[in-house]
Protein backbone atom coordinates (compact mmCIF):
# COMPACT_ATOMS: atom_id res chain seq x y z
CA UNK A 1 -37.30 1.21 -17.61
CA UNK A 2 -33.25 1.58 -17.95
CA UNK A 3 -31.81 4.63 -16.60
CA UNK A 4 -28.08 5.84 -16.90
CA UNK A 5 -27.40 4.51 -13.29
CA UNK A 6 -27.97 1.16 -14.73
CA UNK A 7 -25.58 1.30 -18.07
CA UNK A 8 -23.18 2.85 -15.75
CA UNK A 9 -23.37 0.10 -13.21
CA UNK A 10 -23.27 -2.63 -15.97
CA UNK A 11 -20.42 -1.17 -17.57
CA UNK A 12 -18.58 -0.96 -14.27
CA UNK A 13 -19.63 -4.97 -13.82
CA UNK A 14 -18.57 -5.76 -17.43
CA UNK A 15 -14.78 -3.71 -16.66
CA UNK A 16 -14.51 -5.53 -13.73
CA UNK A 17 -14.69 -8.73 -15.31
CA UNK A 18 -12.83 -8.17 -18.25
CA UNK A 19 -9.81 -6.82 -15.95
CA UNK A 20 -10.18 -9.86 -13.25
CA UNK A 21 -9.77 -12.28 -16.78
CA UNK A 22 -6.39 -10.37 -17.55
CA UNK A 23 -4.88 -10.91 -14.27
CA UNK A 24 -4.35 -14.72 -15.16
CA UNK A 25 -2.29 -14.03 -18.18
CA UNK A 26 1.33 -14.33 -18.27
CA UNK A 27 3.43 -11.13 -16.89
CA UNK A 28 3.67 -8.23 -18.63
CA UNK A 29 0.60 -8.56 -20.17
CA UNK A 30 -1.32 -9.62 -16.11
CA UNK A 31 -0.22 -5.80 -15.66
CA UNK A 32 -2.85 -4.44 -18.01
CA UNK A 33 -5.90 -4.49 -15.97
CA UNK A 34 -3.77 -1.76 -13.84
CA UNK A 35 -3.23 0.55 -16.95
CA UNK A 36 -6.61 0.23 -18.24
CA UNK A 37 -7.91 1.86 -14.48
CA UNK A 38 -4.74 4.25 -14.22
CA UNK A 39 -5.83 5.37 -17.92
CA UNK A 40 -9.40 5.36 -16.85
CA UNK A 41 -8.45 7.37 -13.48
CA UNK A 42 -6.63 9.86 -15.70
CA UNK A 43 -9.50 10.66 -18.06
CA UNK A 44 -11.63 10.88 -15.28
CA UNK A 45 -9.52 13.38 -13.52
CA UNK A 46 -7.74 15.11 -16.73
CA UNK A 47 -11.83 16.26 -17.38
CA UNK A 48 -12.99 17.12 -13.64
CA UNK A 49 -9.49 18.82 -13.24
CA UNK A 50 -8.23 19.79 -16.58
CA UNK A 51 -5.14 21.34 -14.75
CA UNK A 52 -4.29 17.82 -12.87
CA UNK A 53 -4.12 16.17 -16.51
CA UNK A 54 -1.88 19.13 -17.98
CA UNK A 55 0.43 18.80 -15.07
CA UNK A 56 0.99 15.00 -15.53
CA UNK A 57 1.55 15.35 -19.42
CA UNK A 58 3.99 18.02 -18.29
CA UNK A 59 5.84 15.53 -15.88
CA UNK A 60 5.93 12.99 -18.73
CA UNK A 61 7.10 15.59 -21.36
CA UNK A 62 9.90 16.33 -19.02
CA UNK A 63 11.24 13.15 -17.02
CA UNK A 64 10.53 10.96 -20.17
CA UNK A 65 9.94 7.79 -18.44
CA UNK A 66 9.48 5.52 -21.12
CA UNK A 67 12.61 6.23 -22.13
CA UNK A 68 14.35 6.18 -18.94
CA UNK A 69 12.67 2.93 -17.30
CA UNK A 70 12.95 -0.60 -19.13
CA UNK A 71 9.55 -1.38 -17.72
CA UNK A 72 7.83 2.05 -19.16
CA UNK A 73 9.28 1.97 -22.00
CA UNK A 74 8.63 -1.76 -23.27
CA UNK A 75 4.36 -1.01 -23.21
CA UNK A 76 3.62 -0.60 -27.27
CA UNK A 77 0.55 1.49 -26.29
CA UNK A 78 1.43 5.05 -26.60
CA UNK A 79 0.12 6.56 -23.65
CA UNK A 80 2.05 9.78 -24.07
CA UNK A 81 -0.25 10.46 -27.09
CA UNK A 82 -3.30 9.30 -25.34
CA UNK A 83 -2.45 11.57 -22.54
CA UNK A 84 -1.65 14.76 -24.81
CA UNK A 85 -4.64 14.17 -26.97
CA UNK A 86 -6.82 13.98 -24.04
CA UNK A 87 -5.11 17.43 -22.65
CA UNK A 88 -5.60 19.49 -25.63
CA UNK A 89 -9.23 17.97 -25.92
CA UNK A 90 -10.14 19.58 -22.93
CA UNK A 91 -8.17 22.68 -23.56
CA UNK A 92 -10.31 22.84 -26.85
CA UNK A 93 -13.48 21.94 -24.93
CA UNK A 94 -12.39 25.19 -22.42
CA UNK A 95 -11.50 27.45 -25.32
CA UNK A 96 -14.60 26.64 -26.71
CA UNK A 97 -17.25 27.07 -24.31
CA UNK A 98 -15.87 28.62 -21.49
CA UNK A 99 -13.15 31.37 -22.75
CA UNK A 100 -14.75 31.11 -26.30
CA UNK A 101 -11.63 33.17 -27.53
CA UNK A 102 -8.33 32.04 -28.51
CA UNK A 103 -5.24 33.66 -26.79
CA UNK A 104 -2.96 34.87 -29.58
CA UNK A 105 1.02 35.88 -28.44
CA UNK A 106 3.42 38.37 -29.07
CA UNK A 107 5.59 35.82 -29.43
CA UNK A 108 3.34 32.86 -31.34
CA UNK A 109 4.07 34.54 -34.38
CA UNK A 110 7.77 34.07 -33.87
CA UNK A 111 7.49 30.13 -33.24
CA UNK A 112 5.10 29.87 -35.91
CA UNK A 113 7.28 31.13 -38.44
CA UNK A 114 10.24 29.29 -37.24
CA UNK A 115 8.21 25.96 -37.49
CA UNK A 116 6.89 27.37 -41.07
CA UNK A 117 10.66 27.67 -42.17
CA UNK A 118 11.42 23.99 -40.63
CA UNK A 119 8.56 22.79 -42.38
CA UNK A 120 8.81 24.31 -45.61
CA UNK A 121 13.17 23.22 -45.31
CA UNK A 122 11.04 19.19 -45.52
CA UNK A 123 10.55 18.98 -49.42
CA UNK A 124 14.28 19.47 -50.28
CA UNK A 125 15.28 16.55 -47.58
CA UNK A 126 16.91 13.62 -49.54
CA UNK A 127 17.31 11.81 -46.21
CA UNK A 128 13.61 12.08 -45.97
CA UNK A 129 13.02 9.50 -42.93
CA UNK A 130 15.42 11.88 -41.12
CA UNK A 131 13.70 14.63 -41.55
CA UNK A 132 10.42 13.34 -40.69
CA UNK A 133 11.38 11.80 -37.55
CA UNK A 134 13.09 15.20 -36.16
CA UNK A 135 9.53 17.15 -37.45
CA UNK A 136 7.73 14.89 -35.40
CA UNK A 137 9.80 15.44 -32.67
CA UNK A 138 10.04 18.96 -32.93
CA UNK A 139 5.91 19.30 -33.73
CA UNK A 140 5.44 17.97 -30.45
CA UNK A 141 7.57 20.18 -28.76
CA UNK A 142 6.07 23.47 -30.38
CA UNK A 143 2.72 21.69 -29.64
CA UNK A 144 3.55 21.61 -26.03
CA UNK A 145 4.79 25.24 -26.09
CA UNK A 146 1.59 26.35 -26.78
CA UNK A 147 -0.21 24.41 -24.28
CA UNK A 148 1.83 25.76 -21.76
CA UNK A 149 0.63 29.79 -22.95
CA UNK A 150 -2.49 28.63 -23.33
CA UNK A 151 -3.35 26.60 -20.35
CA UNK A 152 -0.93 28.77 -17.31
CA UNK A 153 -2.34 31.45 -16.67
CA UNK A 154 -1.87 31.50 -13.35
CA UNK A 155 0.82 32.71 -11.19
CA UNK A 156 0.12 29.22 -8.90
CA UNK A 157 -0.10 27.10 -11.94
CA UNK A 158 3.15 28.75 -13.46
CA UNK A 159 5.20 27.97 -10.13
CA UNK A 160 3.97 24.43 -10.65
CA UNK A 161 5.85 24.24 -14.16
CA UNK A 162 8.16 25.59 -13.44
CA UNK A 163 9.04 23.04 -10.04
CA UNK A 164 8.26 20.21 -12.61
CA UNK A 165 11.18 21.38 -14.84
CA UNK A 166 13.61 22.17 -12.00
CA UNK A 167 12.77 18.82 -10.43
CA UNK A 168 13.44 17.14 -13.76
CA UNK A 169 16.70 18.37 -14.04
CA UNK A 170 17.62 17.42 -10.80
CA UNK A 171 16.97 13.90 -11.22
CA UNK A 172 18.81 13.75 -13.96
CA UNK A 173 21.32 14.80 -12.35
CA UNK A 174 20.97 12.55 -9.07
CA UNK A 175 19.86 9.32 -11.40
CA UNK A 176 23.23 9.93 -13.73
CA UNK A 177 25.60 9.83 -11.22
CA UNK A 178 23.99 7.07 -9.61
CA UNK A 179 24.62 5.07 -12.90
CA UNK A 180 27.84 6.46 -12.76
CA UNK A 181 28.99 4.97 -9.49
CA UNK A 182 27.57 1.54 -10.02
CA UNK A 183 29.54 1.18 -13.10
CA UNK A 184 26.93 1.93 -16.06
CA UNK A 185 28.82 4.74 -17.84
CA UNK A 186 30.11 5.15 -21.47
CA UNK A 187 33.89 5.24 -22.03
CA UNK A 188 34.73 7.60 -25.08
CA UNK A 189 38.02 9.87 -25.03
CA UNK A 190 40.07 7.88 -23.44
CA UNK A 191 37.55 8.61 -19.74
CA UNK A 192 34.29 7.07 -17.86
CA UNK A 193 31.66 9.43 -18.60
CA UNK A 194 28.63 9.90 -17.14
CA UNK A 195 24.79 9.73 -19.24
CA UNK A 196 21.77 8.94 -18.86
CA UNK A 197 20.85 5.52 -19.47
CA UNK A 198 17.42 4.37 -20.78
CA UNK A 199 17.98 5.25 -24.55
CA UNK A 200 16.80 8.70 -23.35
CA UNK A 201 16.82 11.53 -26.60
CA UNK A 202 19.40 13.26 -24.12
CA UNK A 203 21.29 10.25 -23.22
CA UNK A 204 25.01 11.32 -24.55
CA UNK A 205 27.11 12.54 -22.13
CA UNK A 206 27.49 16.27 -23.83
CA UNK A 207 23.66 16.63 -24.46
CA UNK A 208 23.04 15.58 -20.86
CA UNK A 209 25.69 18.12 -19.47
CA UNK A 210 23.59 20.80 -21.69
CA UNK A 211 20.27 19.95 -19.80
CA UNK A 212 21.99 20.36 -16.53
CA UNK A 213 23.99 23.92 -17.03
CA UNK A 214 20.64 25.32 -18.30
CA UNK A 215 18.58 24.12 -15.10
CA UNK A 216 21.29 25.26 -12.80
CA UNK A 217 19.91 29.51 -13.14
CA UNK A 218 16.45 28.19 -12.21
CA UNK A 219 17.60 26.56 -9.19
CA UNK A 220 20.41 28.88 -7.99
CA UNK A 221 17.02 32.08 -8.18
CA UNK A 222 14.39 30.01 -7.09
CA UNK A 223 16.71 29.08 -4.20
CA UNK A 224 17.62 32.72 -3.82
CA UNK A 225 13.33 33.79 -4.05
CA UNK A 226 12.24 30.77 -1.79
CA UNK A 227 12.03 31.73 1.92
CA UNK A 228 11.57 28.36 2.73
CA UNK A 229 15.09 27.05 4.48
CA UNK A 230 14.46 23.03 3.53
CA UNK A 231 13.50 24.31 -0.78
CA UNK A 232 17.10 26.50 0.07
CA UNK A 233 18.84 22.99 0.95
CA UNK A 234 16.94 21.19 -1.66
CA UNK A 235 17.98 23.50 -4.14
CA UNK A 236 21.56 23.98 -3.42
CA UNK A 237 21.81 20.33 -2.95
CA UNK A 238 20.46 19.94 -6.91
CA UNK A 239 22.94 22.26 -7.84
CA UNK A 240 25.91 20.69 -6.32
CA UNK A 241 24.71 17.65 -7.94
CA UNK A 242 24.69 19.52 -11.52
CA UNK A 243 27.70 20.58 -10.82
CA UNK A 244 29.28 17.28 -9.98
CA UNK A 245 27.37 15.26 -12.51
CA UNK A 246 28.59 17.61 -15.38
CA UNK A 247 32.20 16.86 -14.62
CA UNK A 248 31.56 13.35 -14.81
CA UNK A 249 29.95 13.44 -18.51
CA UNK A 250 33.60 14.32 -19.15
CA UNK A 251 31.96 16.92 -22.00
CA UNK A 252 34.63 19.91 -22.28
CA UNK A 253 31.46 22.41 -23.56
CA UNK A 254 29.53 21.41 -20.41
CA UNK A 255 32.90 22.77 -18.35
CA UNK A 256 32.60 25.63 -19.91
CA UNK A 257 29.03 25.54 -19.29
CA UNK A 258 29.55 25.74 -15.47
CA UNK A 259 32.38 28.66 -15.84
CA UNK A 260 29.91 30.93 -18.32
CA UNK A 261 26.42 30.08 -16.49
CA UNK A 262 28.04 30.72 -12.76
CA UNK A 263 29.80 33.96 -14.18
CA UNK A 264 26.90 35.15 -15.66
CA UNK A 265 24.43 34.62 -12.39
CA UNK A 266 27.25 36.68 -10.86
CA UNK A 267 26.62 39.23 -13.64
CA UNK A 268 22.81 39.33 -13.38
CA UNK A 269 23.06 39.51 -9.41
CA UNK A 270 21.75 42.45 -7.14
CA UNK A 271 25.03 41.84 -4.84
CA UNK A 272 27.29 41.34 -8.38
CA UNK A 273 30.46 41.05 -6.54
CA UNK A 274 29.53 38.98 -3.16
CA UNK A 275 28.09 36.65 -6.18
CA UNK A 276 31.30 36.32 -8.71
CA UNK A 277 33.68 35.97 -5.80
CA UNK A 278 31.58 33.13 -4.56
CA UNK A 279 31.30 31.74 -8.30
CA UNK A 280 35.06 31.82 -8.45
CA UNK A 281 35.91 30.29 -5.47
CA UNK A 282 33.23 27.68 -6.30
CA UNK A 283 35.31 27.47 -9.63
CA UNK A 284 38.86 26.73 -7.80
CA UNK A 285 37.42 24.64 -5.33
CA UNK A 286 35.71 22.32 -8.19
CA UNK A 287 39.29 22.21 -10.40
CA UNK A 288 40.97 21.22 -6.38
CA UNK A 289 38.35 18.23 -6.19
CA UNK A 290 37.82 17.01 -9.45
CA UNK A 291 38.97 13.83 -10.91
CA UNK A 292 42.40 14.20 -12.83
CA UNK A 293 41.20 12.62 -15.88
CA UNK A 294 38.45 15.09 -16.02
CA UNK A 295 40.82 17.97 -15.54
CA UNK A 296 42.99 16.37 -18.09
CA UNK A 297 39.85 16.08 -20.76
CA UNK A 298 39.31 19.77 -19.99
CA UNK A 299 42.63 21.21 -20.56
CA UNK A 300 42.68 19.50 -23.95
CA UNK A 301 40.31 22.11 -25.18
CA UNK A 302 42.30 24.06 -27.32
CA UNK A 303 43.95 21.29 -28.50
CA UNK A 304 42.72 21.60 -32.59
CA UNK A 305 45.94 20.22 -33.91
CA UNK A 306 47.45 17.54 -31.78
CA UNK A 307 46.09 13.64 -31.80
CA UNK A 308 46.29 11.29 -28.55
CA UNK A 309 44.44 8.59 -27.60
CA UNK A 310 41.68 10.70 -26.05
CA UNK A 311 40.74 12.40 -29.96
CA UNK A 312 40.48 15.46 -28.30
CA UNK A 313 42.69 16.78 -31.29
CA UNK A 314 39.47 15.21 -33.85
CA UNK A 315 36.73 16.27 -31.80
CA UNK A 316 37.98 20.06 -32.10
CA UNK A 317 38.52 19.79 -36.00
CA UNK A 318 35.16 18.35 -36.65
CA UNK A 319 33.66 21.57 -35.13
CA UNK A 320 35.78 23.41 -37.31
CA UNK A 321 34.77 21.37 -40.45
CA UNK A 322 31.43 21.24 -39.38
CA UNK A 323 31.09 25.05 -39.43
CA UNK A 324 32.96 25.31 -42.70
CA UNK A 325 30.52 22.38 -44.62
CA UNK A 326 27.69 24.24 -43.21
CA UNK A 327 28.29 27.04 -45.02
CA UNK A 328 29.24 25.13 -48.18
CA UNK A 329 25.94 23.49 -47.75
CA UNK A 330 24.13 26.80 -47.80
CA UNK A 331 25.55 27.98 -50.70
CA UNK A 332 24.10 24.86 -52.66
CA UNK A 333 20.94 25.38 -51.19
CA UNK A 334 20.93 29.41 -50.22
CA UNK A 335 16.69 29.61 -49.68
CA UNK A 336 15.51 26.82 -47.96
CA UNK A 337 18.49 24.61 -46.97
CA UNK A 338 19.24 21.14 -47.93
CA UNK A 339 16.17 19.76 -45.24
CA UNK A 340 16.11 19.36 -41.39
CA UNK A 341 18.58 17.13 -39.91
CA UNK A 342 19.93 16.13 -43.65
CA UNK A 343 23.69 17.67 -43.01
CA UNK A 344 24.74 14.31 -41.62
CA UNK A 345 23.58 13.35 -45.19
CA UNK A 346 25.28 15.54 -47.48
CA UNK A 347 28.49 15.43 -44.85
CA UNK A 348 28.30 11.76 -45.99
CA UNK A 349 28.21 12.34 -49.38
CA UNK A 350 31.34 14.44 -49.45
CA UNK A 351 33.51 11.65 -47.90
CA UNK A 352 33.73 13.02 -44.27
CA UNK A 353 31.32 10.73 -42.25
CA UNK A 354 28.16 10.62 -40.63
CA UNK A 355 27.64 13.15 -38.04
CA UNK A 356 25.90 16.38 -36.93
CA UNK A 357 27.92 19.16 -37.20
CA UNK A 358 28.45 19.85 -33.27
CA UNK A 359 27.24 23.86 -34.07
CA UNK A 360 24.16 25.36 -34.09
CA UNK A 361 24.94 27.78 -36.68
CA UNK A 362 26.48 25.48 -39.00
CA UNK A 363 22.89 23.59 -38.58
CA UNK A 364 21.16 26.64 -39.20
CA UNK A 365 22.37 27.93 -41.96
CA UNK A 366 22.94 24.15 -44.04
CA UNK A 367 19.60 23.00 -43.19
CA UNK A 368 16.98 25.82 -43.08
CA UNK A 369 18.73 28.41 -45.19
CA UNK A 370 18.32 31.83 -45.42
CA UNK A 371 14.74 31.04 -44.68
CA UNK A 372 15.46 29.90 -41.55
CA UNK A 373 18.02 32.27 -40.28
CA UNK A 374 15.23 34.66 -40.68
CA UNK A 375 12.76 32.98 -38.97
CA UNK A 376 15.19 32.16 -36.16
CA UNK A 377 16.35 35.93 -35.91
CA UNK A 378 12.44 37.06 -35.88
CA UNK A 379 11.97 34.16 -33.05
CA UNK A 380 15.19 35.02 -31.28
CA UNK A 381 13.97 39.36 -31.18
CA UNK A 382 10.30 38.68 -30.04
CA UNK A 383 11.84 36.39 -26.89
CA UNK A 384 14.51 38.70 -26.00
CA UNK A 385 11.94 41.97 -26.05
CA UNK A 386 9.60 40.57 -23.73
CA UNK A 387 12.14 39.50 -21.49
CA UNK A 388 13.23 43.12 -21.89
CA UNK A 389 10.09 44.07 -21.45
CA UNK A 390 9.26 42.63 -18.37
CA UNK A 391 12.23 43.87 -16.47
CA UNK A 392 11.80 47.57 -17.87
CA UNK A 393 7.82 47.73 -16.31
CA UNK A 394 9.03 46.15 -12.94
CA UNK A 395 11.86 49.27 -13.06
CA UNK A 396 9.35 51.72 -13.98
CA UNK A 397 6.55 50.51 -11.33
CA UNK A 398 8.86 49.56 -8.94
CA UNK A 399 7.79 46.43 -8.29
CA UNK A 400 9.55 44.36 -5.67
CA UNK A 401 11.36 41.70 -6.64
CA UNK A 402 9.55 38.31 -6.62
CA UNK A 403 9.14 35.19 -8.38
CA UNK A 404 8.09 36.31 -11.73
CA UNK A 405 10.91 38.83 -11.64
CA UNK A 406 13.95 35.78 -10.66
CA UNK A 407 12.41 33.60 -13.58
CA UNK A 408 12.54 36.13 -16.02
CA UNK A 409 16.15 36.73 -15.03
CA UNK A 410 16.45 32.53 -14.70
CA UNK A 411 15.59 32.94 -18.57
CA UNK A 412 17.55 35.71 -19.97
CA UNK A 413 20.33 33.24 -18.11
CA UNK A 414 19.50 30.46 -20.07
CA UNK A 415 18.97 31.66 -23.71
CA UNK A 416 22.16 33.03 -23.49
CA UNK A 417 23.73 30.11 -22.59
CA UNK A 418 21.95 28.41 -25.09
CA UNK A 419 23.69 30.48 -27.84
CA UNK A 420 26.80 29.97 -25.95
CA UNK A 421 26.18 26.41 -25.97
CA UNK A 422 25.45 26.03 -29.36
CA UNK A 423 28.74 27.52 -30.72
CA UNK A 424 30.20 23.37 -29.82
CA UNK A 425 26.70 22.07 -30.02
CA UNK A 426 24.11 21.40 -32.44
CA UNK A 427 21.25 22.27 -30.51
CA UNK A 428 19.03 23.56 -32.88
CA UNK A 429 15.71 21.78 -32.69
CA UNK A 430 16.45 21.07 -28.62
CA UNK A 431 13.72 21.78 -26.68
CA UNK A 432 14.58 24.63 -24.19
CA UNK A 433 14.53 26.91 -27.12
CA UNK A 434 10.59 26.79 -27.12
CA UNK A 435 9.72 25.76 -24.23
CA UNK A 436 11.79 28.53 -22.62
CA UNK A 437 10.07 30.75 -25.07
CA UNK A 438 6.82 29.28 -23.75
CA UNK A 439 8.28 30.41 -19.91
CA UNK A 440 8.26 33.74 -21.02
CA UNK A 441 5.18 34.50 -23.08
CA UNK A 442 3.41 33.14 -19.51
CA UNK A 443 5.25 35.73 -17.45
CA UNK A 444 4.75 38.16 -20.11
CA UNK A 445 0.96 37.51 -19.90
CA UNK A 446 0.64 37.39 -16.31
CA UNK A 447 2.59 40.82 -16.13
CA UNK A 448 -0.27 42.40 -18.36
CA UNK A 449 -2.87 41.00 -16.24
CA UNK A 450 -0.96 42.65 -13.16
CA UNK A 451 -0.74 46.13 -14.95
CA UNK A 452 -4.51 45.92 -15.83
CA UNK A 453 -5.31 44.89 -12.34
CA UNK A 454 -3.20 48.12 -10.68
CA UNK A 455 -4.96 50.56 -13.61
CA UNK A 456 -8.73 49.95 -12.09
C-alpha cells in the first residue's frame, strides 16, 4: 500500500535528481538548484513559522537586494512577489482559521481614502504607462502597511521590524560611502555626489539623503532607549555614517535636513538644553570638517537668480516653477487632477522640460486634485492624532518612558521631516509616509492592549 511517506520519499528523490541535472548547466543556470532549495525551505519555514517569512519579506522590502546587487538583480524569477504571496496566504489562513476576524484600525480609513484618491486619478492620466508603473509601486507599499498592522501585534515583533528598518538605513549609508571612496559616484552640479548604486528606486543623491535623514531619529532614540553599550556604539556609528554620507551626496535639502532633524531631536528631548547644545556643536564641527566643494554647494541654497557652473540658480528656480505649474494644472483639473505621475508629461507640453516639481504640495494638487488634497489631509490628521493620543496616555497613566514611547517620538520627528523635505522634494508617494503610518498603528494597538490588561 502506498502511503504519504512513500510519496514524500519519491518526491524527494525526483527533486534530488532534477537539481543534480541542473548543476551541469552553464553559469548562471547552475545556481538554480540552490534557489529552488532555498525557495522550498522558505515556503516550509513561512508556513511553520509565519513571522520568519514576514521578517524575510520586510528585509527584502527595506533593503531591495534585487536593485542593489547585480547578481540578485539578474535573476528573472519574481522571487519578491512569490515571498509576498506566501506571506499574504499565511496571514489569510491565520485570520480565517485562528483569529477568525480582520482588525480594522483607526488609521486604515485614512490610508484607504488616500489610496482611493490615487486610484480615481488614473482615468485622467494621459501618460498611462507612467501612472500605472507608479501605481503598482504604491499599491505594494499600501499592501506592506496592512501586513505590518495585521501581523505585528507584540512588542518583540515590533522591535524586530524597527531594527530591520534602522539597519537598512545604516547599510545604505555605509554602502554608498564605500562606493563613493572607491570612485563610484555621480558628477552633477559641479561636484562628486554619493548615490546608492545598483539602480535602486531611491538611488538619486537627493533621495538617498532623504532616506538617511529620516532614519536618524530612530537611531538616536533607539540608542537613548537601549542599555546595551555595544548597541549604543553601533547606533552612534550609524548616525555619524548617515550624516557624513548626506554631506557626500551634495544634497542641499539633505544638509538642511541634518540641521532640522538635530534641532527637532533636541526640541523633543527631555534634556532639551543639553541636546540642543550638542546639536549646535555637531553642526559647527560638521561645517569645519566637510570638504569645501560641499560647503560651497550648500551656500548656493538661496541663489535663485544667479547662474554658475553648479546650476544652483536653475535648480532653485525649478522648484518655484514646479509649484507655480502645480497649481496651474490643478486649476485645469481641480477634482481628480491630471493623474498619478503625470506632472512631468503636462510640464513637457508647456515646453518646460520633463521633470517632477521638487515640491510635494505641487505634486499633490496637480496630480490628485481636491479629492487627493482632502484624502491626504484626512490621512495625516489621523496619523498625527494617534501619535498625540499615545503621548497623552503615557502622561495620563504616568507610565515610564520605554521603547514604545521613544519610537512614537521618532515617528513624530520623522513625520515633521517628511513635510519639511516635501517643500523641496516630490516625496508624496515615498514609502516612508505609509510604512511609518503602519509603525504608528502598531503603537496604537500595543498601547490599547496594555491599557486593557492594566484595567483587568
